[in-house]
């Protein structure tokens, strides 16, 4: 997700680095068992940067979700959702959360709450995909997310996007593979497909083909 946010929200890298520096200082202070007033200084820095990081991630996800939903629905033919868990209860001030967690953090030696603990949760029919999805469905969910990010970045960046896809046919039946290939080839990224045999892929047009052996590539006519 951070890769996509960086390319779409142009101040994100600066804020993420500011957050990481403050987090590193708080973790060092925790391990050195520094006084609470020292921790409070770094907690203020962590929280201030975390709020900006969180806001930019949320803004990015507002734009990513409709693209992801469109691609995932086409690939899986199911109701799919993308949830964002920010790493702390955002209805609470992160400064207070960090203050209350000082002793537990000291015992563990690191900061347990904040954007560094954020996660994306994919759901199928309102259930987390880890419990419901097959191996092939997990692959299609991951593909939908990556392809959605590529599409969004390509629309909002002056730089081209290159996408490498390894063995797209693995774990998919012919119907799902065809759907995946349609979505991949419609993506604005420059696509490189790697497969043991091109005969397994429903390719259209006249793509350039190369044979790779012992680290050397040879064009196939």
Protein backbone atom coordinates (compact mmCIF):
# COMPACT_ATOMS: atom_id res chain seq x y z
CA UNK A 1 0.00 0.00 0.00
CA UNK A 2 2.80 2.44 0.87
CA UNK A 3 4.15 2.16 -2.69
CA UNK A 4 0.84 3.30 -4.10
CA UNK A 5 0.32 6.08 -1.55
CA UNK A 6 3.81 7.43 -2.28
CA UNK A 7 3.08 7.75 -6.00
CA UNK A 8 -0.37 9.30 -5.56
CA UNK A 9 0.06 11.39 -2.39
CA UNK A 10 3.25 13.26 -3.16
CA UNK A 11 4.08 14.41 0.39
CA UNK A 12 3.69 10.91 1.77
CA UNK A 13 7.33 9.84 1.68
CA UNK A 14 8.42 12.88 3.68
CA UNK A 15 5.75 12.28 6.34
CA UNK A 16 6.46 8.53 6.48
CA UNK A 17 10.15 9.18 7.02
CA UNK A 18 9.36 11.71 9.76
CA UNK A 19 7.15 9.13 11.45
CA UNK A 20 9.80 6.38 11.17
CA UNK A 21 12.49 8.62 12.70
CA UNK A 22 10.27 9.47 15.67
CA UNK A 23 9.24 5.84 16.10
CA UNK A 24 12.88 4.73 16.08
CA UNK A 25 13.70 7.28 18.78
CA UNK A 26 10.78 6.15 20.96
CA UNK A 27 11.77 2.50 20.56
CA UNK A 28 15.36 3.36 21.55
CA UNK A 29 14.12 5.28 24.59
CA UNK A 30 11.94 2.32 25.58
CA UNK A 31 14.80 -0.16 25.38
CA UNK A 32 17.05 2.19 27.34
CA UNK A 33 14.31 2.59 29.98
CA UNK A 34 14.33 6.36 29.65
CA UNK A 35 12.07 8.54 31.82
CA UNK A 36 8.44 9.21 30.94
CA UNK A 37 9.12 12.84 30.04
CA UNK A 38 11.59 11.69 27.37
CA UNK A 39 9.03 9.24 26.00
CA UNK A 40 6.40 11.99 25.96
CA UNK A 41 8.56 14.11 23.64
CA UNK A 42 8.87 11.31 21.09
CA UNK A 43 5.23 10.28 21.48
CA UNK A 44 4.22 13.78 20.42
CA UNK A 45 6.41 13.49 17.32
CA UNK A 46 5.14 9.97 16.55
CA UNK A 47 1.50 11.00 16.89
CA UNK A 48 1.82 14.19 14.83
CA UNK A 49 3.41 12.34 11.91
CA UNK A 50 1.10 9.34 12.32
CA UNK A 51 -2.00 11.50 11.89
CA UNK A 52 -0.74 12.76 8.52
CA UNK A 53 0.35 9.28 7.38
CA UNK A 54 -3.05 7.88 8.34
CA UNK A 55 -4.96 10.69 6.58
CA UNK A 56 -3.02 10.23 3.35
CA UNK A 57 -3.51 6.47 3.43
CA UNK A 58 -7.25 6.94 3.93
CA UNK A 59 -7.44 9.39 1.04
CA UNK A 60 -5.56 6.97 -1.20
CA UNK A 61 -7.80 4.07 -0.22
CA UNK A 62 -10.92 6.08 -1.04
CA UNK A 63 -9.61 6.22 -4.60
CA UNK A 64 -8.29 2.65 -4.65
CA UNK A 65 -11.41 0.85 -3.40
CA UNK A 66 -13.69 1.40 -6.42
CA UNK A 67 -10.92 0.27 -8.79
CA UNK A 68 -10.20 -2.78 -6.63
CA UNK A 69 -13.91 -3.64 -6.31
CA UNK A 70 -14.37 -3.47 -10.10
CA UNK A 71 -11.40 -5.74 -10.81
CA UNK A 72 -12.09 -8.17 -7.95
CA UNK A 73 -15.74 -8.56 -8.96
CA UNK A 74 -14.66 -9.39 -12.51
CA UNK A 75 -12.04 -11.90 -11.36
CA UNK A 76 -13.95 -13.66 -8.56
CA UNK A 77 -17.62 -13.07 -9.39
CA UNK A 78 -18.26 -12.45 -5.69
CA UNK A 79 -18.91 -9.64 -3.21
CA UNK A 80 -15.41 -8.54 -2.17
CA UNK A 81 -14.45 -5.80 0.31
CA UNK A 82 -11.18 -4.08 1.23
CA UNK A 83 -10.89 -2.95 4.85
CA UNK A 84 -8.12 -0.81 6.34
CA UNK A 85 -6.99 -1.32 9.94
CA UNK A 86 -4.91 1.75 10.86
CA UNK A 87 -2.89 0.18 13.71
CA UNK A 88 -4.65 1.88 16.63
CA UNK A 89 -8.24 2.83 17.56
CA UNK A 90 -8.43 6.13 15.67
CA UNK A 91 -11.30 7.37 17.82
CA UNK A 92 -8.60 7.71 20.52
CA UNK A 93 -5.72 10.18 20.51
CA UNK A 94 -2.58 8.21 19.66
CA UNK A 95 -0.63 10.23 22.23
CA UNK A 96 -2.85 8.85 24.98
CA UNK A 97 -2.74 5.33 23.55
CA UNK A 98 1.07 5.44 23.57
CA UNK A 99 1.15 6.88 27.10
CA UNK A 100 -1.10 4.12 28.41
CA UNK A 101 0.97 1.47 26.66
CA UNK A 102 4.39 2.54 27.97
CA UNK A 103 4.87 -0.24 30.49
CA UNK A 104 3.77 -2.98 28.10
CA UNK A 105 5.99 -1.51 25.39
CA UNK A 106 8.93 -1.41 27.79
CA UNK A 107 8.50 -5.10 28.56
CA UNK A 108 8.42 -5.98 24.87
CA UNK A 109 11.06 -3.47 23.77
CA UNK A 110 9.11 -1.82 20.95
CA UNK A 111 6.05 0.31 20.14
CA UNK A 112 2.99 -1.87 19.60
CA UNK A 113 0.54 0.71 18.24
CA UNK A 114 0.62 3.13 15.34
CA UNK A 115 0.71 3.17 11.52
CA UNK A 116 3.56 0.64 11.50
CA UNK A 117 0.97 -1.93 12.66
CA UNK A 118 -1.59 -1.08 9.96
CA UNK A 119 -3.03 -3.82 7.80
CA UNK A 120 -5.36 -4.42 4.86
CA UNK A 121 -8.06 -7.05 5.32
CA UNK A 122 -9.72 -8.59 2.26
CA UNK A 123 -13.21 -10.02 2.66
CA UNK A 124 -15.36 -12.31 0.53
CA UNK A 125 -19.07 -12.33 1.30
CA UNK A 126 -18.32 -10.38 4.53
CA UNK A 127 -15.87 -13.00 5.82
CA UNK A 128 -12.08 -12.51 6.03
CA UNK A 129 -10.49 -14.11 2.99
CA UNK A 130 -8.04 -16.08 5.16
CA UNK A 131 -10.96 -18.20 6.37
CA UNK A 132 -13.05 -18.38 3.21
CA UNK A 133 -10.85 -18.16 0.12
CA UNK A 134 -9.24 -21.02 -1.77
CA UNK A 135 -5.64 -20.81 -2.96
CA UNK A 136 -6.80 -19.68 -6.37
CA UNK A 137 -9.10 -17.03 -4.87
CA UNK A 138 -6.27 -15.70 -2.72
CA UNK A 139 -4.21 -15.36 -5.88
CA UNK A 140 -7.00 -13.46 -7.65
CA UNK A 141 -7.54 -11.17 -4.67
CA UNK A 142 -3.85 -10.32 -4.59
CA UNK A 143 -3.85 -9.78 -8.35
CA UNK A 144 -6.87 -7.46 -8.12
CA UNK A 145 -5.14 -5.38 -5.44
CA UNK A 146 -1.83 -5.10 -7.33
CA UNK A 147 -3.54 -4.35 -10.64
CA UNK A 148 -5.76 -1.73 -9.01
CA UNK A 149 -2.71 0.00 -7.56
CA UNK A 150 -0.93 -0.11 -10.92
CA UNK A 151 -3.95 1.42 -12.62
CA UNK A 152 -4.30 4.18 -10.05
CA UNK A 153 -0.58 5.02 -10.05
CA UNK A 154 -0.47 5.06 -13.86
CA UNK A 155 -3.32 7.58 -13.88
CA UNK A 156 -1.65 9.87 -11.33
CA UNK A 157 2.04 9.62 -12.11
CA UNK A 158 4.25 10.86 -14.91
CA UNK A 159 6.25 7.64 -14.64
CA UNK A 160 5.34 4.40 -16.36
CA UNK A 161 4.53 1.27 -14.37
CA UNK A 162 6.12 -2.11 -15.12
CA UNK A 163 4.40 -5.28 -13.92
CA UNK A 164 6.00 -8.73 -13.77
CA UNK A 165 3.55 -11.66 -13.54
CA UNK A 166 4.98 -15.09 -12.73
CA UNK A 167 3.01 -18.18 -13.84
CA UNK A 168 -0.45 -16.62 -14.05
CA UNK A 169 -1.98 -20.02 -14.90
CA UNK A 170 -0.99 -21.64 -11.59
CA UNK A 171 -3.95 -22.60 -9.33
CA UNK A 172 -6.57 -21.29 -11.79
CA UNK A 173 -9.06 -23.05 -14.02
CA UNK A 174 -9.48 -21.97 -17.64
CA UNK A 175 -12.34 -19.56 -16.89
CA UNK A 176 -10.54 -17.71 -14.10
CA UNK A 177 -7.28 -17.67 -16.04
CA UNK A 178 -9.03 -16.11 -19.01
CA UNK A 179 -10.57 -13.44 -16.76
CA UNK A 180 -7.19 -12.75 -15.14
CA UNK A 181 -5.42 -12.42 -18.48
CA UNK A 182 -8.09 -10.04 -19.77
CA UNK A 183 -7.65 -7.80 -16.73
CA UNK A 184 -3.84 -7.96 -16.87
CA UNK A 185 -3.66 -7.10 -20.58
CA UNK A 186 -6.12 -4.22 -20.12
CA UNK A 187 -3.93 -2.70 -17.40
CA UNK A 188 -1.98 0.45 -18.39
CA UNK A 189 1.26 -1.04 -17.04
CA UNK A 190 3.94 -2.55 -19.26
CA UNK A 191 3.43 -6.26 -18.57
CA UNK A 192 6.05 -9.01 -18.50
CA UNK A 193 4.62 -12.53 -18.26
CA UNK A 194 6.79 -15.44 -17.11
CA UNK A 195 5.56 -18.98 -17.82
CA UNK A 196 7.03 -22.41 -18.37
CA UNK A 197 4.95 -22.69 -21.52
CA UNK A 198 3.19 -19.91 -23.42
CA UNK A 199 0.63 -22.48 -24.59
CA UNK A 200 -0.98 -22.33 -21.13
CA UNK A 201 -1.81 -18.63 -21.57
CA UNK A 202 -4.76 -17.28 -23.60
CA UNK A 203 -2.73 -14.51 -25.24
CA UNK A 204 -4.17 -12.04 -27.74
CA UNK A 205 -2.41 -9.89 -30.30
CA UNK A 206 1.27 -10.44 -31.07
CA UNK A 207 3.26 -10.09 -27.85
CA UNK A 208 7.05 -10.19 -27.97
CA UNK A 209 8.27 -13.57 -26.69
CA UNK A 210 11.62 -14.53 -25.20
CA UNK A 211 13.12 -17.83 -24.11
CA UNK A 212 15.22 -17.61 -20.93
CA UNK A 213 17.79 -20.32 -20.20
CA UNK A 214 20.73 -20.19 -17.78
CA UNK A 215 20.21 -16.48 -17.24
CA UNK A 216 20.25 -15.57 -20.96
CA UNK A 217 17.23 -14.35 -22.95
CA UNK A 218 16.70 -15.07 -26.65
CA UNK A 219 13.94 -13.55 -28.76
CA UNK A 220 11.51 -16.04 -30.30
CA UNK A 221 10.28 -15.24 -33.80
